[in-house]
N, C-alpha and C. Protein backbone atom coordinates (compact mmCIF):
# COMPACT_ATOMS: atom_id res chain seq x y z
N MET A 1 -33.08 -6.01 7.30
CA MET A 1 -32.37 -4.85 6.81
C MET A 1 -30.90 -4.95 7.24
N HIS A 2 -30.03 -4.68 6.31
CA HIS A 2 -28.61 -4.75 6.61
C HIS A 2 -28.12 -3.40 7.12
N THR A 3 -27.20 -3.46 8.05
CA THR A 3 -26.62 -2.24 8.58
C THR A 3 -25.41 -1.83 7.74
N LYS A 4 -24.96 -0.60 7.95
CA LYS A 4 -23.78 -0.10 7.24
C LYS A 4 -22.56 -0.97 7.56
N THR A 5 -22.43 -1.38 8.81
CA THR A 5 -21.29 -2.20 9.22
C THR A 5 -21.32 -3.55 8.53
N GLU A 6 -22.51 -4.14 8.40
CA GLU A 6 -22.61 -5.43 7.72
C GLU A 6 -22.21 -5.29 6.25
N TYR A 7 -22.64 -4.21 5.62
CA TYR A 7 -22.22 -3.96 4.24
C TYR A 7 -20.70 -3.82 4.16
N LEU A 8 -20.10 -3.16 5.13
CA LEU A 8 -18.65 -3.00 5.15
C LEU A 8 -17.93 -4.34 5.26
N ILE A 9 -18.48 -5.24 6.07
CA ILE A 9 -17.89 -6.57 6.23
C ILE A 9 -17.87 -7.29 4.88
N TRP A 10 -19.03 -7.35 4.24
CA TRP A 10 -19.13 -8.09 2.98
C TRP A 10 -18.36 -7.40 1.86
N ASP A 11 -18.34 -6.06 1.87
CA ASP A 11 -17.57 -5.33 0.87
C ASP A 11 -16.08 -5.62 1.02
N LYS A 12 -15.63 -5.69 2.26
CA LYS A 12 -14.22 -6.00 2.54
C LYS A 12 -13.85 -7.38 1.99
N ILE A 13 -14.73 -8.35 2.21
CA ILE A 13 -14.48 -9.72 1.74
C ILE A 13 -14.48 -9.77 0.21
N VAL A 14 -15.47 -9.16 -0.42
CA VAL A 14 -15.57 -9.19 -1.89
C VAL A 14 -14.41 -8.43 -2.52
N HIS A 15 -14.08 -7.27 -1.97
CA HIS A 15 -12.98 -6.47 -2.53
C HIS A 15 -11.66 -7.24 -2.46
N SER A 16 -11.44 -7.91 -1.37
CA SER A 16 -10.22 -8.71 -1.23
C SER A 16 -10.15 -9.80 -2.30
N ALA A 17 -11.27 -10.48 -2.52
CA ALA A 17 -11.31 -11.54 -3.54
C ALA A 17 -11.15 -10.98 -4.95
N ARG A 18 -11.78 -9.85 -5.22
CA ARG A 18 -11.68 -9.25 -6.55
C ARG A 18 -10.25 -8.90 -6.91
N ASN A 19 -9.45 -8.56 -5.91
CA ASN A 19 -8.05 -8.23 -6.17
C ASN A 19 -7.25 -9.45 -6.61
N ARG A 20 -7.79 -10.63 -6.42
CA ARG A 20 -7.11 -11.87 -6.80
C ARG A 20 -7.50 -12.37 -8.19
N ILE A 21 -8.50 -11.73 -8.80
CA ILE A 21 -9.03 -12.20 -10.08
C ILE A 21 -8.37 -11.46 -11.23
N ASP A 22 -7.96 -12.21 -12.24
CA ASP A 22 -7.47 -11.63 -13.49
C ASP A 22 -8.53 -11.92 -14.54
N LEU A 23 -9.42 -10.95 -14.77
CA LEU A 23 -10.54 -11.16 -15.70
C LEU A 23 -10.10 -11.50 -17.11
N ALA A 24 -8.93 -11.05 -17.50
CA ALA A 24 -8.44 -11.32 -18.86
C ALA A 24 -8.29 -12.81 -19.13
N THR A 25 -8.07 -13.59 -18.09
CA THR A 25 -7.90 -15.04 -18.29
C THR A 25 -9.22 -15.74 -18.61
N TYR A 26 -10.34 -15.03 -18.42
CA TYR A 26 -11.65 -15.64 -18.65
C TYR A 26 -12.28 -15.23 -19.97
N GLY A 27 -11.55 -14.52 -20.79
CA GLY A 27 -12.04 -14.18 -22.11
C GLY A 27 -12.64 -12.79 -22.19
N GLU A 28 -13.03 -12.45 -23.39
CA GLU A 28 -13.53 -11.12 -23.71
C GLU A 28 -14.83 -10.78 -22.99
N LYS A 29 -15.73 -11.76 -22.89
CA LYS A 29 -17.02 -11.53 -22.24
C LYS A 29 -16.87 -11.13 -20.78
N ALA A 30 -15.90 -11.70 -20.11
CA ALA A 30 -15.71 -11.43 -18.69
C ALA A 30 -15.40 -9.96 -18.44
N GLY A 31 -14.66 -9.34 -19.33
CA GLY A 31 -14.31 -7.94 -19.19
C GLY A 31 -15.50 -7.01 -19.34
N LYS A 32 -16.58 -7.52 -19.91
CA LYS A 32 -17.77 -6.69 -20.15
C LYS A 32 -18.80 -6.78 -19.02
N ILE A 33 -18.56 -7.65 -18.04
CA ILE A 33 -19.49 -7.77 -16.92
C ILE A 33 -19.35 -6.54 -16.04
N SER A 34 -20.47 -5.96 -15.67
CA SER A 34 -20.44 -4.75 -14.84
C SER A 34 -19.84 -5.09 -13.47
N PRO A 35 -19.19 -4.11 -12.85
CA PRO A 35 -18.60 -4.34 -11.52
C PRO A 35 -19.63 -4.81 -10.49
N GLU A 36 -20.85 -4.31 -10.57
CA GLU A 36 -21.89 -4.71 -9.62
C GLU A 36 -22.23 -6.18 -9.77
N ILE A 37 -22.37 -6.64 -11.02
CA ILE A 37 -22.67 -8.05 -11.28
C ILE A 37 -21.50 -8.91 -10.84
N LEU A 38 -20.29 -8.49 -11.16
CA LEU A 38 -19.10 -9.25 -10.78
C LEU A 38 -19.01 -9.39 -9.26
N ASP A 39 -19.30 -8.30 -8.54
CA ASP A 39 -19.28 -8.37 -7.08
C ASP A 39 -20.29 -9.38 -6.57
N LYS A 40 -21.48 -9.40 -7.15
CA LYS A 40 -22.51 -10.35 -6.73
C LYS A 40 -22.08 -11.79 -7.01
N LEU A 41 -21.44 -12.01 -8.14
CA LEU A 41 -20.99 -13.35 -8.49
C LEU A 41 -19.87 -13.81 -7.55
N VAL A 42 -18.94 -12.92 -7.27
CA VAL A 42 -17.84 -13.25 -6.35
C VAL A 42 -18.41 -13.56 -4.96
N LEU A 43 -19.34 -12.73 -4.50
CA LEU A 43 -19.97 -12.96 -3.20
C LEU A 43 -20.70 -14.29 -3.19
N HIS A 44 -21.39 -14.60 -4.27
CA HIS A 44 -22.12 -15.86 -4.37
C HIS A 44 -21.16 -17.05 -4.22
N ILE A 45 -20.05 -16.99 -4.90
CA ILE A 45 -19.06 -18.08 -4.85
C ILE A 45 -18.50 -18.22 -3.43
N ILE A 46 -18.12 -17.11 -2.82
CA ILE A 46 -17.53 -17.14 -1.48
C ILE A 46 -18.53 -17.68 -0.45
N VAL A 47 -19.74 -17.15 -0.47
CA VAL A 47 -20.76 -17.57 0.50
C VAL A 47 -21.11 -19.05 0.30
N ALA A 48 -21.19 -19.48 -0.95
CA ALA A 48 -21.52 -20.88 -1.22
C ALA A 48 -20.44 -21.82 -0.65
N PHE A 49 -19.18 -21.51 -0.90
CA PHE A 49 -18.11 -22.34 -0.36
C PHE A 49 -18.09 -22.28 1.17
N ALA A 50 -18.29 -21.08 1.73
CA ALA A 50 -18.29 -20.92 3.19
C ALA A 50 -19.45 -21.68 3.83
N SER A 51 -20.52 -21.86 3.08
CA SER A 51 -21.70 -22.59 3.59
C SER A 51 -21.59 -24.09 3.38
N GLY A 52 -20.50 -24.53 2.75
CA GLY A 52 -20.28 -25.96 2.58
C GLY A 52 -20.87 -26.56 1.32
N GLU A 53 -21.29 -25.73 0.37
CA GLU A 53 -21.82 -26.26 -0.89
C GLU A 53 -20.69 -26.89 -1.69
N ASP A 54 -21.03 -27.90 -2.47
CA ASP A 54 -20.03 -28.55 -3.31
C ASP A 54 -19.90 -27.82 -4.64
N HIS A 55 -18.82 -28.11 -5.33
CA HIS A 55 -18.48 -27.47 -6.60
C HIS A 55 -19.62 -27.56 -7.61
N CYS A 56 -20.21 -28.73 -7.74
CA CYS A 56 -21.27 -28.95 -8.72
C CYS A 56 -22.49 -28.07 -8.43
N SER A 57 -22.89 -27.99 -7.18
CA SER A 57 -24.04 -27.16 -6.79
C SER A 57 -23.76 -25.68 -7.04
N ILE A 58 -22.56 -25.25 -6.71
CA ILE A 58 -22.20 -23.85 -6.92
C ILE A 58 -22.23 -23.53 -8.41
N SER A 59 -21.69 -24.42 -9.22
CA SER A 59 -21.67 -24.21 -10.66
C SER A 59 -23.08 -24.12 -11.23
N THR A 60 -23.94 -25.04 -10.84
CA THR A 60 -25.31 -25.05 -11.33
C THR A 60 -26.06 -23.79 -10.90
N ASN A 61 -25.93 -23.44 -9.63
CA ASN A 61 -26.62 -22.25 -9.11
C ASN A 61 -26.12 -20.97 -9.78
N LEU A 62 -24.82 -20.88 -9.99
CA LEU A 62 -24.24 -19.71 -10.64
C LEU A 62 -24.71 -19.63 -12.09
N HIS A 63 -24.73 -20.77 -12.77
CA HIS A 63 -25.23 -20.81 -14.15
C HIS A 63 -26.67 -20.32 -14.21
N ASN A 64 -27.50 -20.80 -13.31
CA ASN A 64 -28.91 -20.39 -13.28
C ASN A 64 -29.06 -18.91 -12.97
N GLU A 65 -28.25 -18.42 -12.04
CA GLU A 65 -28.31 -17.01 -11.68
C GLU A 65 -27.91 -16.12 -12.86
N LEU A 66 -26.85 -16.50 -13.55
CA LEU A 66 -26.42 -15.74 -14.73
C LEU A 66 -27.48 -15.78 -15.83
N HIS A 67 -28.03 -16.94 -16.05
CA HIS A 67 -29.08 -17.09 -17.07
C HIS A 67 -30.28 -16.20 -16.71
N HIS A 68 -30.62 -16.17 -15.44
CA HIS A 68 -31.76 -15.37 -14.97
C HIS A 68 -31.58 -13.88 -15.24
N ILE A 69 -30.36 -13.39 -15.17
CA ILE A 69 -30.11 -11.96 -15.41
C ILE A 69 -29.73 -11.68 -16.87
N GLY A 70 -29.84 -12.70 -17.72
CA GLY A 70 -29.64 -12.50 -19.15
C GLY A 70 -28.23 -12.66 -19.65
N ILE A 71 -27.37 -13.31 -18.88
CA ILE A 71 -26.00 -13.55 -19.33
C ILE A 71 -25.88 -15.03 -19.69
N ALA A 72 -25.69 -15.28 -20.98
CA ALA A 72 -25.60 -16.66 -21.47
C ALA A 72 -24.16 -17.14 -21.37
N VAL A 73 -23.95 -18.11 -20.49
CA VAL A 73 -22.62 -18.71 -20.31
C VAL A 73 -22.80 -20.21 -20.21
N ASN A 74 -21.98 -20.94 -20.93
CA ASN A 74 -22.02 -22.39 -20.89
C ASN A 74 -21.60 -22.85 -19.49
N GLU A 75 -22.27 -23.88 -19.00
CA GLU A 75 -21.96 -24.37 -17.64
C GLU A 75 -20.53 -24.89 -17.53
N ASP A 76 -19.97 -25.39 -18.63
CA ASP A 76 -18.57 -25.83 -18.61
C ASP A 76 -17.63 -24.66 -18.32
N VAL A 77 -17.96 -23.50 -18.85
CA VAL A 77 -17.15 -22.30 -18.62
C VAL A 77 -17.22 -21.92 -17.14
N ILE A 78 -18.41 -22.00 -16.58
CA ILE A 78 -18.57 -21.68 -15.16
C ILE A 78 -17.79 -22.68 -14.31
N ASP A 79 -17.81 -23.95 -14.69
CA ASP A 79 -17.02 -24.95 -13.97
C ASP A 79 -15.55 -24.57 -13.95
N LYS A 80 -15.04 -24.10 -15.08
CA LYS A 80 -13.63 -23.71 -15.17
C LYS A 80 -13.35 -22.47 -14.32
N ILE A 81 -14.31 -21.55 -14.31
CA ILE A 81 -14.13 -20.32 -13.53
C ILE A 81 -14.03 -20.62 -12.05
N ILE A 82 -14.90 -21.49 -11.54
CA ILE A 82 -14.89 -21.73 -10.09
C ILE A 82 -13.97 -22.88 -9.67
N ALA A 83 -13.34 -23.53 -10.63
CA ALA A 83 -12.51 -24.71 -10.34
C ALA A 83 -11.47 -24.46 -9.25
N ASP A 84 -10.82 -23.31 -9.29
CA ASP A 84 -9.74 -23.04 -8.33
C ASP A 84 -10.13 -22.02 -7.26
N LYS A 85 -11.37 -21.60 -7.25
CA LYS A 85 -11.77 -20.52 -6.33
C LYS A 85 -11.76 -20.94 -4.86
N HIS A 86 -11.95 -22.22 -4.57
CA HIS A 86 -11.88 -22.65 -3.18
C HIS A 86 -10.47 -22.46 -2.62
N VAL A 87 -9.48 -22.47 -3.50
CA VAL A 87 -8.10 -22.23 -3.08
C VAL A 87 -7.77 -20.74 -3.19
N LEU A 88 -8.09 -20.15 -4.35
CA LEU A 88 -7.77 -18.75 -4.59
C LEU A 88 -8.44 -17.83 -3.57
N PHE A 89 -9.67 -18.14 -3.21
CA PHE A 89 -10.43 -17.32 -2.26
C PHE A 89 -10.44 -17.92 -0.86
N SER A 90 -9.47 -18.73 -0.51
CA SER A 90 -9.52 -19.42 0.78
C SER A 90 -9.60 -18.46 1.97
N SER A 91 -8.86 -17.37 1.92
CA SER A 91 -8.92 -16.39 3.02
C SER A 91 -10.30 -15.75 3.11
N GLU A 92 -10.86 -15.41 1.96
CA GLU A 92 -12.18 -14.77 1.94
C GLU A 92 -13.28 -15.75 2.34
N ILE A 93 -13.13 -17.00 1.94
CA ILE A 93 -14.11 -18.03 2.34
C ILE A 93 -14.06 -18.22 3.85
N TYR A 94 -12.86 -18.25 4.40
CA TYR A 94 -12.73 -18.36 5.85
C TYR A 94 -13.32 -17.12 6.53
N ALA A 95 -13.08 -15.94 5.97
CA ALA A 95 -13.63 -14.70 6.54
C ALA A 95 -15.16 -14.73 6.53
N ALA A 96 -15.75 -15.26 5.46
CA ALA A 96 -17.21 -15.37 5.39
C ALA A 96 -17.72 -16.37 6.44
N TYR A 97 -17.04 -17.50 6.55
CA TYR A 97 -17.41 -18.50 7.56
C TYR A 97 -17.30 -17.90 8.96
N LEU A 98 -16.22 -17.18 9.20
CA LEU A 98 -16.01 -16.52 10.48
C LEU A 98 -17.11 -15.50 10.75
N THR A 99 -17.51 -14.75 9.73
CA THR A 99 -18.58 -13.77 9.86
C THR A 99 -19.87 -14.44 10.29
N PHE A 100 -20.26 -15.51 9.57
CA PHE A 100 -21.49 -16.23 9.93
C PHE A 100 -21.42 -16.73 11.37
N SER A 101 -20.31 -17.35 11.71
CA SER A 101 -20.15 -17.97 13.02
C SER A 101 -20.17 -16.93 14.14
N MET A 102 -19.42 -15.86 13.96
CA MET A 102 -19.34 -14.84 15.01
C MET A 102 -20.69 -14.14 15.21
N LEU A 103 -21.38 -13.81 14.12
CA LEU A 103 -22.68 -13.16 14.25
C LEU A 103 -23.68 -14.09 14.93
N GLU A 104 -23.62 -15.37 14.57
CA GLU A 104 -24.51 -16.35 15.19
C GLU A 104 -24.21 -16.49 16.68
N ASP A 105 -22.96 -16.35 17.07
CA ASP A 105 -22.56 -16.47 18.48
C ASP A 105 -22.80 -15.19 19.27
N GLY A 106 -23.33 -14.16 18.63
CA GLY A 106 -23.69 -12.94 19.34
C GLY A 106 -22.65 -11.84 19.36
N HIS A 107 -21.58 -11.98 18.60
CA HIS A 107 -20.58 -10.91 18.53
C HIS A 107 -21.18 -9.71 17.79
N THR A 108 -20.67 -8.53 18.10
CA THR A 108 -21.15 -7.33 17.42
C THR A 108 -20.58 -7.27 16.01
N GLU A 109 -21.27 -6.54 15.16
CA GLU A 109 -20.79 -6.37 13.79
C GLU A 109 -19.44 -5.67 13.76
N GLN A 110 -19.22 -4.76 14.70
CA GLN A 110 -17.93 -4.06 14.77
C GLN A 110 -16.80 -5.04 15.11
N GLU A 111 -17.07 -5.98 16.01
CA GLU A 111 -16.06 -6.99 16.33
C GLU A 111 -15.76 -7.84 15.11
N VAL A 112 -16.80 -8.24 14.41
CA VAL A 112 -16.63 -9.06 13.21
C VAL A 112 -15.83 -8.30 12.16
N LEU A 113 -16.18 -7.05 11.94
CA LEU A 113 -15.45 -6.23 10.96
C LEU A 113 -13.98 -6.14 11.34
N GLY A 114 -13.69 -5.99 12.62
CA GLY A 114 -12.30 -5.94 13.06
C GLY A 114 -11.54 -7.22 12.77
N TYR A 115 -12.15 -8.36 13.09
CA TYR A 115 -11.51 -9.65 12.83
C TYR A 115 -11.32 -9.89 11.33
N VAL A 116 -12.36 -9.59 10.55
CA VAL A 116 -12.29 -9.80 9.09
C VAL A 116 -11.21 -8.89 8.49
N SER A 117 -11.19 -7.64 8.91
CA SER A 117 -10.17 -6.71 8.40
C SER A 117 -8.78 -7.18 8.75
N ASP A 118 -8.59 -7.61 9.98
CA ASP A 118 -7.28 -8.10 10.40
C ASP A 118 -6.87 -9.34 9.61
N LEU A 119 -7.80 -10.23 9.43
CA LEU A 119 -7.53 -11.46 8.68
C LEU A 119 -7.13 -11.17 7.23
N LEU A 120 -7.86 -10.29 6.57
CA LEU A 120 -7.62 -10.04 5.15
C LEU A 120 -6.51 -9.03 4.89
N ASP A 121 -6.33 -8.08 5.81
CA ASP A 121 -5.30 -7.06 5.61
C ASP A 121 -3.92 -7.48 6.12
N ASN A 122 -3.90 -8.32 7.14
CA ASN A 122 -2.65 -8.72 7.77
C ASN A 122 -2.59 -10.23 7.97
N PRO A 123 -2.63 -10.98 6.88
CA PRO A 123 -2.63 -12.46 7.06
C PRO A 123 -1.33 -12.92 7.71
N LYS A 124 -1.49 -13.90 8.61
CA LYS A 124 -0.35 -14.46 9.32
C LYS A 124 -0.36 -15.96 9.17
N VAL A 125 0.81 -16.52 9.03
CA VAL A 125 0.96 -17.97 8.97
C VAL A 125 1.63 -18.41 10.25
N TYR A 126 1.02 -19.34 10.94
CA TYR A 126 1.56 -19.81 12.22
C TYR A 126 2.19 -21.17 12.04
């Protein structure tokens, strides 16, 4: 069972990534995807990259997931959609990796939420 804080962590990561997406560039169908489905797809992409999956695996899994929920999309289109996401979502991918790592190391969810919020709200270049 997920806690409210854990939902806040993942919502923060997904919301940050969604602000970087211009759905209009993906065609008319993309604009018709419900926000809930879009959030799940964005989360899927971020978690997959943070877990070290390669582009081809992510594309295939995303295609299968979309097909399973009744959205017919050519796999070539999915390839184009995720082609730049490892760069576009780099902060969110790092935040997801950090979340996994910190929780595994025994940090509290509140600590993780603080680090993720700081990372995504106040990015710094050193």
